[in-house]
């Protein structure tokens, strides 16, 4: 059995009971993912969690859906998160949030989150051979911020649609930048 690491962010102090339960659920899902029990983790997160921590838990769910090959669930959740972002409901209505990745904290803007979600949506749609919608997702992401990876994936979408000249021009822009 692989070694299990518990996330270091969880601190059980005098926080409200709901936060502690949600934090424990999040930790449990991460441990289950590490033990290749992603399907069980998905069910545990979807059944019991508060709205307050749903955003954080949704990011774990997205990873679990990807790991389990549940592309339709991943696409649905990405579209939902994008909707919340566009309506100003993400980040509890704030323009930025503090995020954590590999133990490091950093600030993420609503725009950065939207481009991340659009890039992930584009990738998931490509896996479903839905290159028209994937193209739209990548173009929307690129209208906010340039990203070579998204440009390359846009080029692939264009190639898959038979738009070779447009794909070549897109990929040439990546090389020039």
N, C-alpha and C. Protein backbone atom coordinates (compact mmCIF):
# COMPACT_ATOMS: atom_id res chain seq x y z
N UNK A 1 0.84 -1.17 0.00
CA UNK A 1 0.00 0.00 0.00
C UNK A 1 0.89 1.24 0.00
N UNK A 2 0.59 2.24 -0.88
CA UNK A 2 1.44 3.43 -0.94
C UNK A 2 1.29 4.25 0.33
N UNK A 3 2.35 5.02 0.62
CA UNK A 3 2.29 5.85 1.81
C UNK A 3 1.24 6.94 1.61
N UNK A 4 0.61 7.32 2.68
CA UNK A 4 -0.46 8.29 2.64
C UNK A 4 0.01 9.58 3.27
N UNK A 5 -0.19 10.68 2.54
CA UNK A 5 0.17 11.99 3.06
C UNK A 5 -1.10 12.76 3.35
N UNK A 6 -1.20 13.32 4.53
CA UNK A 6 -2.33 14.15 4.86
C UNK A 6 -1.97 15.59 4.52
N UNK A 7 -2.88 16.33 3.88
CA UNK A 7 -2.60 17.72 3.55
C UNK A 7 -2.28 18.53 4.80
N UNK A 8 -1.33 19.42 4.66
CA UNK A 8 -0.88 20.20 5.82
C UNK A 8 -1.78 21.39 6.11
N UNK A 9 -2.72 21.73 5.22
CA UNK A 9 -3.54 22.91 5.43
C UNK A 9 -4.58 22.73 6.54
N UNK A 10 -4.94 21.51 6.87
CA UNK A 10 -6.01 21.27 7.81
C UNK A 10 -5.54 21.51 9.24
N UNK A 11 -6.21 22.43 9.91
CA UNK A 11 -5.91 22.71 11.30
C UNK A 11 -7.24 22.67 12.05
N UNK A 12 -7.35 21.79 13.00
CA UNK A 12 -8.59 21.69 13.77
C UNK A 12 -8.44 22.51 15.04
N UNK A 13 -8.85 23.76 14.93
CA UNK A 13 -8.78 24.65 16.09
C UNK A 13 -10.19 25.01 16.49
N UNK A 14 -10.43 26.26 16.77
CA UNK A 14 -11.75 26.69 17.20
C UNK A 14 -12.63 27.10 16.02
N UNK A 15 -12.34 26.60 14.84
CA UNK A 15 -13.15 26.91 13.66
C UNK A 15 -14.54 26.32 13.83
N UNK A 16 -15.52 26.85 13.08
CA UNK A 16 -16.86 26.29 13.16
C UNK A 16 -16.87 24.80 12.80
N UNK A 17 -17.83 24.08 13.36
CA UNK A 17 -17.92 22.65 13.16
C UNK A 17 -18.05 22.29 11.69
N UNK A 18 -18.82 23.06 10.93
CA UNK A 18 -19.01 22.78 9.50
C UNK A 18 -17.68 22.81 8.76
N UNK A 19 -16.83 23.80 9.07
CA UNK A 19 -15.53 23.89 8.42
C UNK A 19 -14.70 22.64 8.71
N UNK A 20 -14.72 22.19 9.95
CA UNK A 20 -13.93 21.01 10.32
C UNK A 20 -14.41 19.78 9.58
N UNK A 21 -15.72 19.62 9.46
CA UNK A 21 -16.27 18.46 8.75
C UNK A 21 -15.91 18.53 7.27
N UNK A 22 -16.08 19.69 6.66
CA UNK A 22 -15.74 19.84 5.25
C UNK A 22 -14.25 19.63 5.01
N UNK A 23 -13.43 20.14 5.91
CA UNK A 23 -11.99 19.97 5.80
C UNK A 23 -11.62 18.50 5.92
N UNK A 24 -12.27 17.80 6.83
CA UNK A 24 -12.01 16.37 6.99
C UNK A 24 -12.45 15.60 5.74
N UNK A 25 -13.59 15.98 5.17
CA UNK A 25 -14.04 15.34 3.93
C UNK A 25 -13.03 15.55 2.81
N UNK A 26 -12.53 16.77 2.72
CA UNK A 26 -11.53 17.09 1.69
C UNK A 26 -10.28 16.24 1.90
N UNK A 27 -9.79 16.16 3.12
CA UNK A 27 -8.61 15.34 3.42
C UNK A 27 -8.86 13.88 3.08
N UNK A 28 -10.05 13.39 3.46
CA UNK A 28 -10.39 12.00 3.18
C UNK A 28 -10.37 11.74 1.67
N UNK A 29 -10.93 12.66 0.89
CA UNK A 29 -10.96 12.48 -0.57
C UNK A 29 -9.56 12.46 -1.15
N UNK A 30 -8.68 13.31 -0.65
CA UNK A 30 -7.30 13.35 -1.14
C UNK A 30 -6.59 12.04 -0.82
N UNK A 31 -6.78 11.54 0.39
CA UNK A 31 -6.17 10.27 0.77
C UNK A 31 -6.71 9.14 -0.09
N UNK A 32 -8.02 9.13 -0.31
CA UNK A 32 -8.62 8.08 -1.14
C UNK A 32 -8.09 8.14 -2.57
N UNK A 33 -7.87 9.35 -3.08
CA UNK A 33 -7.31 9.50 -4.42
C UNK A 33 -5.90 8.90 -4.47
N UNK A 34 -5.11 9.17 -3.43
CA UNK A 34 -3.76 8.63 -3.36
C UNK A 34 -3.76 7.11 -3.29
N UNK A 35 -4.83 6.55 -2.79
CA UNK A 35 -4.95 5.09 -2.68
C UNK A 35 -5.69 4.48 -3.88
N UNK A 36 -5.83 5.24 -4.95
CA UNK A 36 -6.54 4.80 -6.16
C UNK A 36 -7.98 4.39 -5.86
N UNK A 37 -8.63 5.15 -5.00
CA UNK A 37 -10.04 4.92 -4.67
C UNK A 37 -10.84 6.16 -5.05
N UNK A 38 -10.58 6.67 -6.26
CA UNK A 38 -11.18 7.93 -6.70
C UNK A 38 -12.71 7.86 -6.78
N UNK A 39 -13.25 6.74 -7.22
CA UNK A 39 -14.71 6.63 -7.34
C UNK A 39 -15.39 6.78 -5.97
N UNK A 40 -14.83 6.16 -4.96
CA UNK A 40 -15.38 6.29 -3.60
C UNK A 40 -15.25 7.73 -3.11
N UNK A 41 -14.14 8.37 -3.44
CA UNK A 41 -13.92 9.75 -3.02
C UNK A 41 -14.95 10.68 -3.65
N UNK A 42 -15.27 10.44 -4.91
CA UNK A 42 -16.28 11.26 -5.60
C UNK A 42 -17.60 11.19 -4.86
N UNK A 43 -18.02 9.99 -4.54
CA UNK A 43 -19.30 9.82 -3.86
C UNK A 43 -19.30 10.47 -2.49
N UNK A 44 -18.21 10.38 -1.77
CA UNK A 44 -18.17 10.97 -0.43
C UNK A 44 -18.24 12.49 -0.50
N UNK A 45 -17.65 13.09 -1.52
CA UNK A 45 -17.68 14.55 -1.65
C UNK A 45 -19.02 15.05 -2.16
N UNK A 46 -19.68 14.28 -2.98
CA UNK A 46 -20.93 14.71 -3.56
C UNK A 46 -22.11 14.55 -2.60
N UNK A 47 -22.00 13.63 -1.67
CA UNK A 47 -23.12 13.35 -0.78
C UNK A 47 -23.19 14.35 0.37
N UNK A 48 -22.06 14.63 0.99
CA UNK A 48 -22.05 15.46 2.20
C UNK A 48 -21.03 16.57 2.07
N UNK A 49 -21.47 17.79 1.87
CA UNK A 49 -20.58 18.95 1.98
C UNK A 49 -21.41 20.22 1.96
N UNK A 50 -20.91 21.24 2.60
CA UNK A 50 -21.64 22.51 2.67
C UNK A 50 -21.36 23.36 1.43
N UNK A 51 -22.22 24.33 1.19
CA UNK A 51 -22.03 25.24 0.06
C UNK A 51 -20.77 26.09 0.24
N UNK A 52 -20.40 26.37 1.50
CA UNK A 52 -19.26 27.25 1.77
C UNK A 52 -17.96 26.70 1.19
N UNK A 53 -17.78 25.41 1.24
CA UNK A 53 -16.52 24.85 0.76
C UNK A 53 -16.66 24.11 -0.56
N UNK A 54 -17.83 24.23 -1.20
CA UNK A 54 -18.06 23.51 -2.44
C UNK A 54 -17.03 23.88 -3.51
N UNK A 55 -16.65 25.14 -3.57
CA UNK A 55 -15.69 25.58 -4.59
C UNK A 55 -14.36 24.83 -4.48
N UNK A 56 -13.84 24.73 -3.27
CA UNK A 56 -12.60 24.00 -3.04
C UNK A 56 -12.78 22.51 -3.31
N UNK A 57 -13.89 21.98 -2.86
CA UNK A 57 -14.16 20.56 -3.07
C UNK A 57 -14.37 20.24 -4.55
N UNK A 58 -14.96 21.18 -5.28
CA UNK A 58 -15.16 20.98 -6.73
C UNK A 58 -13.83 20.81 -7.46
N UNK A 59 -12.80 21.51 -7.01
CA UNK A 59 -11.50 21.35 -7.65
C UNK A 59 -10.96 19.93 -7.45
N UNK A 60 -11.20 19.38 -6.28
CA UNK A 60 -10.81 17.98 -6.03
C UNK A 60 -11.66 17.06 -6.89
N UNK A 61 -12.96 17.34 -6.97
CA UNK A 61 -13.85 16.53 -7.80
C UNK A 61 -13.41 16.52 -9.26
N UNK A 62 -13.01 17.68 -9.76
CA UNK A 62 -12.54 17.74 -11.15
C UNK A 62 -11.37 16.80 -11.38
N UNK A 63 -10.44 16.81 -10.44
CA UNK A 63 -9.28 15.92 -10.54
C UNK A 63 -9.70 14.46 -10.47
N UNK A 64 -10.64 14.16 -9.58
CA UNK A 64 -11.13 12.79 -9.45
C UNK A 64 -11.88 12.34 -10.70
N UNK A 65 -12.71 13.22 -11.24
CA UNK A 65 -13.43 12.88 -12.48
C UNK A 65 -12.44 12.58 -13.61
N UNK A 66 -11.41 13.39 -13.69
CA UNK A 66 -10.39 13.18 -14.72
C UNK A 66 -9.71 11.83 -14.53
N UNK A 67 -9.35 11.53 -13.30
CA UNK A 67 -8.67 10.27 -12.99
C UNK A 67 -9.54 9.06 -13.30
N UNK A 68 -10.86 9.19 -13.08
CA UNK A 68 -11.79 8.08 -13.31
C UNK A 68 -12.28 8.01 -14.76
N UNK A 69 -11.88 8.98 -15.57
CA UNK A 69 -12.34 9.00 -16.95
C UNK A 69 -13.79 9.43 -17.10
N UNK A 70 -14.30 10.16 -16.12
CA UNK A 70 -15.70 10.63 -16.17
C UNK A 70 -15.74 12.01 -16.82
N UNK A 71 -15.48 12.01 -18.14
CA UNK A 71 -15.38 13.27 -18.88
C UNK A 71 -16.68 14.06 -18.88
N UNK A 72 -17.81 13.40 -19.00
CA UNK A 72 -19.08 14.13 -19.02
C UNK A 72 -19.32 14.86 -17.71
N UNK A 73 -19.01 14.20 -16.59
CA UNK A 73 -19.14 14.86 -15.28
C UNK A 73 -18.15 16.02 -15.17
N UNK A 74 -16.95 15.81 -15.67
CA UNK A 74 -15.92 16.86 -15.63
C UNK A 74 -16.38 18.07 -16.45
N UNK A 75 -16.89 17.83 -17.64
CA UNK A 75 -17.35 18.92 -18.51
C UNK A 75 -18.51 19.68 -17.86
N UNK A 76 -19.45 18.95 -17.29
CA UNK A 76 -20.59 19.57 -16.63
C UNK A 76 -20.14 20.45 -15.47
N UNK A 77 -19.23 19.94 -14.65
CA UNK A 77 -18.76 20.71 -13.50
C UNK A 77 -17.94 21.93 -13.95
N UNK A 78 -17.11 21.77 -14.98
CA UNK A 78 -16.34 22.92 -15.49
C UNK A 78 -17.28 24.01 -16.02
N UNK A 79 -18.31 23.62 -16.74
CA UNK A 79 -19.27 24.60 -17.25
C UNK A 79 -20.00 25.30 -16.11
N UNK A 80 -20.33 24.54 -15.07
CA UNK A 80 -20.99 25.13 -13.91
C UNK A 80 -20.07 26.14 -13.21
N UNK A 81 -18.82 25.76 -13.01
CA UNK A 81 -17.86 26.67 -12.38
C UNK A 81 -17.64 27.92 -13.23
N UNK A 82 -17.61 27.76 -14.54
CA UNK A 82 -17.48 28.92 -15.43
C UNK A 82 -18.69 29.84 -15.30
N UNK A 83 -19.87 29.26 -15.24
CA UNK A 83 -21.09 30.04 -15.07
C UNK A 83 -21.01 30.86 -13.78
N UNK A 84 -20.62 30.22 -12.68
CA UNK A 84 -20.49 30.93 -11.41
C UNK A 84 -19.46 32.05 -11.50
N UNK A 85 -18.36 31.78 -12.18
CA UNK A 85 -17.31 32.79 -12.35
C UNK A 85 -17.83 33.98 -13.15
N UNK A 86 -18.54 33.71 -14.25
CA UNK A 86 -19.05 34.78 -15.11
C UNK A 86 -20.14 35.60 -14.42
N UNK A 87 -20.88 34.98 -13.52
CA UNK A 87 -21.95 35.69 -12.80
C UNK A 87 -21.43 36.41 -11.55
N UNK A 88 -20.13 36.30 -11.29
CA UNK A 88 -19.55 36.97 -10.12
C UNK A 88 -19.80 36.23 -8.82
N UNK A 89 -20.18 34.96 -8.90
CA UNK A 89 -20.49 34.19 -7.70
C UNK A 89 -19.32 33.36 -7.20
N UNK A 90 -18.27 33.26 -7.99
CA UNK A 90 -17.08 32.52 -7.55
C UNK A 90 -16.30 33.38 -6.57
N UNK A 91 -15.46 32.77 -5.78
CA UNK A 91 -14.61 33.46 -4.81
C UNK A 91 -15.44 34.25 -3.80
N UNK A 92 -16.65 33.81 -3.53
CA UNK A 92 -17.55 34.52 -2.61
C UNK A 92 -17.73 35.97 -3.02
N UNK A 93 -17.76 36.23 -4.32
CA UNK A 93 -17.98 37.58 -4.84
C UNK A 93 -16.74 38.46 -4.86
N UNK A 94 -15.62 37.96 -4.44
CA UNK A 94 -14.38 38.76 -4.44
C UNK A 94 -13.68 38.64 -5.78
N UNK A 95 -12.76 39.54 -6.07
CA UNK A 95 -12.02 39.55 -7.33
C UNK A 95 -10.82 38.60 -7.32
N UNK A 96 -10.31 38.28 -6.13
CA UNK A 96 -9.17 37.36 -6.02
C UNK A 96 -9.42 36.41 -4.86
N UNK A 97 -8.64 35.34 -4.85
CA UNK A 97 -8.67 34.42 -3.71
C UNK A 97 -7.26 33.90 -3.51
N UNK A 98 -7.02 33.42 -2.32
CA UNK A 98 -5.75 32.77 -2.02
C UNK A 98 -5.91 31.30 -2.36
N UNK A 99 -5.03 30.79 -3.19
CA UNK A 99 -5.06 29.38 -3.58
C UNK A 99 -3.81 28.70 -3.04
N UNK A 100 -3.87 27.39 -3.00
CA UNK A 100 -2.73 26.60 -2.55
C UNK A 100 -2.42 25.55 -3.60
N UNK A 101 -1.15 25.38 -3.85
CA UNK A 101 -0.71 24.31 -4.74
C UNK A 101 0.65 23.84 -4.25
N UNK A 102 0.74 22.57 -4.01
CA UNK A 102 1.97 21.95 -3.55
C UNK A 102 2.54 22.67 -2.33
N UNK A 103 1.63 23.04 -1.41
CA UNK A 103 2.04 23.65 -0.16
C UNK A 103 2.34 25.13 -0.22
N UNK A 104 2.22 25.75 -1.40
CA UNK A 104 2.51 27.17 -1.54
C UNK A 104 1.22 27.95 -1.75
N UNK A 105 1.15 29.12 -1.13
CA UNK A 105 -0.01 30.00 -1.28
C UNK A 105 0.29 31.05 -2.34
N UNK A 106 -0.75 31.41 -3.11
CA UNK A 106 -0.62 32.48 -4.11
C UNK A 106 -2.00 33.05 -4.40
N UNK A 107 -2.02 34.25 -4.96
CA UNK A 107 -3.27 34.92 -5.29
C UNK A 107 -3.70 34.55 -6.72
N UNK A 108 -5.00 34.30 -6.87
CA UNK A 108 -5.57 33.99 -8.18
C UNK A 108 -6.71 34.97 -8.42
N UNK A 109 -6.70 35.60 -9.59
CA UNK A 109 -7.79 36.52 -9.94
C UNK A 109 -8.92 35.75 -10.59
N UNK A 110 -10.08 36.37 -10.65
CA UNK A 110 -11.23 35.76 -11.32
C UNK A 110 -10.88 35.47 -12.78
N UNK A 111 -10.16 36.38 -13.43
CA UNK A 111 -9.78 36.19 -14.82
C UNK A 111 -8.85 34.99 -14.99
N UNK A 112 -7.89 34.86 -14.09
CA UNK A 112 -6.98 33.70 -14.15
C UNK A 112 -7.74 32.40 -13.95
N UNK A 113 -8.68 32.41 -13.02
CA UNK A 113 -9.50 31.22 -12.77
C UNK A 113 -10.33 30.88 -14.00
N UNK A 114 -10.90 31.90 -14.64
CA UNK A 114 -11.71 31.66 -15.84
C UNK A 114 -10.86 31.06 -16.96
N UNK A 115 -9.65 31.56 -17.16
CA UNK A 115 -8.80 31.00 -18.23
C UNK A 115 -8.37 29.58 -17.89
N UNK A 116 -8.13 29.31 -16.60
CA UNK A 116 -7.79 27.94 -16.20
C UNK A 116 -8.95 26.99 -16.47
N UNK A 117 -10.15 27.41 -16.07
CA UNK A 117 -11.33 26.58 -16.30
C UNK A 117 -11.59 26.37 -17.79
N UNK A 118 -11.44 27.43 -18.58
CA UNK A 118 -11.66 27.31 -20.02
C UNK A 118 -10.63 26.38 -20.66
N UNK A 119 -9.39 26.45 -20.22
CA UNK A 119 -8.37 25.55 -20.74
C UNK A 119 -8.68 24.10 -20.40
N UNK A 120 -9.10 23.86 -19.16
CA UNK A 120 -9.47 22.50 -18.75
C UNK A 120 -10.71 22.02 -19.51
N UNK A 121 -11.65 22.92 -19.73
CA UNK A 121 -12.84 22.56 -20.50
C UNK A 121 -12.47 22.22 -21.93
N UNK A 122 -11.60 23.03 -22.53
CA UNK A 122 -11.15 22.75 -23.89
C UNK A 122 -10.50 21.37 -23.99
N UNK A 123 -9.64 21.05 -23.02
CA UNK A 123 -8.98 19.74 -23.02
C UNK A 123 -10.00 18.61 -22.92
N UNK A 124 -10.96 18.73 -21.98
CA UNK A 124 -11.97 17.69 -21.79
C UNK A 124 -12.82 17.53 -23.04
N UNK A 125 -13.17 18.64 -23.67
CA UNK A 125 -13.96 18.57 -24.91
C UNK A 125 -13.17 17.91 -26.04
N UNK A 126 -11.87 18.18 -26.08
CA UNK A 126 -11.02 17.52 -27.09
C UNK A 126 -11.02 16.00 -26.88
N UNK A 127 -11.02 15.56 -25.63
CA UNK A 127 -11.05 14.13 -25.34
C UNK A 127 -12.35 13.49 -25.81
N UNK A 128 -13.40 14.29 -25.91
CA UNK A 128 -14.70 13.85 -26.40
C UNK A 128 -14.85 14.07 -27.91
N UNK A 129 -13.74 14.47 -28.57
CA UNK A 129 -13.74 14.77 -30.00
C UNK A 129 -14.72 15.89 -30.37
N UNK A 130 -14.99 16.77 -29.43
CA UNK A 130 -15.86 17.92 -29.68
C UNK A 130 -14.95 19.13 -29.94
N UNK A 131 -14.38 19.15 -31.13
CA UNK A 131 -13.36 20.14 -31.45
C UNK A 131 -13.92 21.54 -31.68
N UNK A 132 -15.18 21.64 -32.07
CA UNK A 132 -15.79 22.95 -32.28
C UNK A 132 -15.95 23.67 -30.94
N UNK A 133 -16.52 22.98 -29.94
CA UNK A 133 -16.68 23.58 -28.61
C UNK A 133 -15.33 23.80 -27.94
N UNK A 134 -14.41 22.87 -28.15
CA UNK A 134 -13.07 23.03 -27.58
C UNK A 134 -12.39 24.27 -28.15
N UNK A 135 -12.53 24.47 -29.45
CA UNK A 135 -11.98 25.67 -30.09
C UNK A 135 -12.53 26.93 -29.43
N UNK A 136 -13.85 26.95 -29.22
CA UNK A 136 -14.48 28.11 -28.58
C UNK A 136 -13.91 28.34 -27.18
N UNK A 137 -13.75 27.27 -26.41
CA UNK A 137 -13.20 27.40 -25.06
C UNK A 137 -11.79 27.98 -25.09
N UNK A 138 -10.96 27.46 -25.99
CA UNK A 138 -9.59 27.97 -26.08
C UNK A 138 -9.56 29.42 -26.55
N UNK A 139 -10.39 29.77 -27.51
CA UNK A 139 -10.43 31.17 -27.99
C UNK A 139 -10.88 32.11 -26.87
N UNK A 140 -11.86 31.70 -26.10
CA UNK A 140 -12.32 32.52 -24.98
C UNK A 140 -11.21 32.69 -23.95
N UNK A 141 -10.49 31.62 -23.66
CA UNK A 141 -9.38 31.71 -22.69
C UNK A 141 -8.29 32.63 -23.22
N UNK A 142 -7.98 32.49 -24.49
CA UNK A 142 -6.91 33.29 -25.09
C UNK A 142 -7.29 34.76 -25.24
N UNK A 143 -8.58 35.06 -25.26
CA UNK A 143 -9.00 36.46 -25.33
C UNK A 143 -8.71 37.19 -24.02
N UNK A 144 -8.52 36.43 -22.94
CA UNK A 144 -8.21 37.02 -21.63
C UNK A 144 -6.70 37.10 -21.42
N UNK A 145 -6.00 36.02 -21.75
CA UNK A 145 -4.55 35.99 -21.53
C UNK A 145 -3.89 35.01 -22.50
N UNK A 146 -2.72 35.39 -22.99
CA UNK A 146 -1.98 34.52 -23.89
C UNK A 146 -1.40 33.33 -23.13
N UNK A 147 -1.42 32.17 -23.78
CA UNK A 147 -0.88 30.96 -23.17
C UNK A 147 -0.48 30.03 -24.32
N UNK A 148 0.81 29.69 -24.39
CA UNK A 148 1.29 28.85 -25.50
C UNK A 148 0.63 27.48 -25.54
N UNK A 149 0.40 26.89 -24.39
CA UNK A 149 -0.24 25.57 -24.35
C UNK A 149 -1.65 25.62 -24.95
N UNK A 150 -2.40 26.65 -24.56
CA UNK A 150 -3.76 26.80 -25.11
C UNK A 150 -3.71 27.09 -26.61
N UNK A 151 -2.70 27.86 -27.03
CA UNK A 151 -2.53 28.13 -28.47
C UNK A 151 -2.27 26.83 -29.23
N UNK A 152 -1.40 25.98 -28.69
CA UNK A 152 -1.11 24.70 -29.35
C UNK A 152 -2.35 23.83 -29.41
N UNK A 153 -3.10 23.78 -28.33
CA UNK A 153 -4.33 22.99 -28.32
C UNK A 153 -5.37 23.55 -29.29
N UNK A 154 -5.42 24.88 -29.40
CA UNK A 154 -6.30 25.49 -30.40
C UNK A 154 -5.88 25.05 -31.80
N UNK A 155 -4.57 25.02 -32.06
CA UNK A 155 -4.08 24.55 -33.35
C UNK A 155 -4.50 23.12 -33.64
N UNK A 156 -4.47 22.27 -32.63
CA UNK A 156 -4.90 20.87 -32.79
C UNK A 156 -6.39 20.82 -33.12
N UNK A 157 -7.18 21.62 -32.42
CA UNK A 157 -8.63 21.67 -32.70
C UNK A 157 -8.88 22.06 -34.15
N UNK A 158 -8.14 23.05 -34.61
CA UNK A 158 -8.32 23.51 -35.99
C UNK A 158 -7.91 22.42 -36.98
N UNK A 159 -6.81 21.72 -36.69
CA UNK A 159 -6.38 20.62 -37.56
C UNK A 159 -7.45 19.53 -37.62
N UNK A 160 -7.98 19.17 -36.47
CA UNK A 160 -8.98 18.11 -36.40
C UNK A 160 -10.26 18.49 -37.16
N UNK A 161 -10.47 19.79 -37.34
CA UNK A 161 -11.63 20.27 -38.11
C UNK A 161 -11.29 20.46 -39.58
N UNK A 162 -10.06 20.12 -39.97
CA UNK A 162 -9.65 20.25 -41.37
C UNK A 162 -9.25 21.66 -41.76
N UNK A 163 -9.05 22.52 -40.82
CA UNK A 163 -8.68 23.93 -41.08
C UNK A 163 -7.16 24.06 -40.92
N UNK A 164 -6.47 23.42 -41.83
CA UNK A 164 -5.01 23.27 -41.74
C UNK A 164 -4.28 24.60 -41.83
N UNK A 165 -4.65 25.46 -42.78
CA UNK A 165 -3.96 26.75 -42.91
C UNK A 165 -4.11 27.60 -41.65
N UNK A 166 -5.30 27.60 -41.08
CA UNK A 166 -5.54 28.36 -39.85
C UNK A 166 -4.74 27.75 -38.68
N UNK A 167 -4.67 26.42 -38.65
CA UNK A 167 -3.90 25.73 -37.61
C UNK A 167 -2.41 26.09 -37.73
N UNK A 168 -1.89 26.08 -38.95
CA UNK A 168 -0.48 26.42 -39.16
C UNK A 168 -0.20 27.84 -38.69
N UNK A 169 -1.08 28.76 -39.04
CA UNK A 169 -0.89 30.16 -38.64
C UNK A 169 -0.91 30.30 -37.11
N UNK A 170 -1.80 29.56 -36.46
CA UNK A 170 -1.89 29.59 -35.00
C UNK A 170 -0.60 29.07 -34.38
N UNK A 171 -0.12 27.96 -34.88
CA UNK A 171 1.11 27.37 -34.33
C UNK A 171 2.34 28.21 -34.63
N UNK A 172 2.34 28.90 -35.76
CA UNK A 172 3.46 29.82 -36.07
C UNK A 172 3.52 30.97 -35.05
N UNK A 173 2.36 31.42 -34.61
CA UNK A 173 2.33 32.50 -33.60
C UNK A 173 2.97 32.02 -32.29
N UNK A 174 2.82 30.75 -31.98
CA UNK A 174 3.43 30.22 -30.77
C UNK A 174 4.96 30.26 -30.91
N UNK A 175 5.44 29.88 -32.07
CA UNK A 175 6.89 29.85 -32.30
C UNK A 175 7.48 31.27 -32.24
N UNK A 176 6.76 32.26 -32.76
CA UNK A 176 7.25 33.64 -32.78
C UNK A 176 7.29 34.27 -31.38
N UNK A 177 6.45 33.81 -30.50
CA UNK A 177 6.35 34.47 -29.19
C UNK A 177 7.35 33.96 -28.21
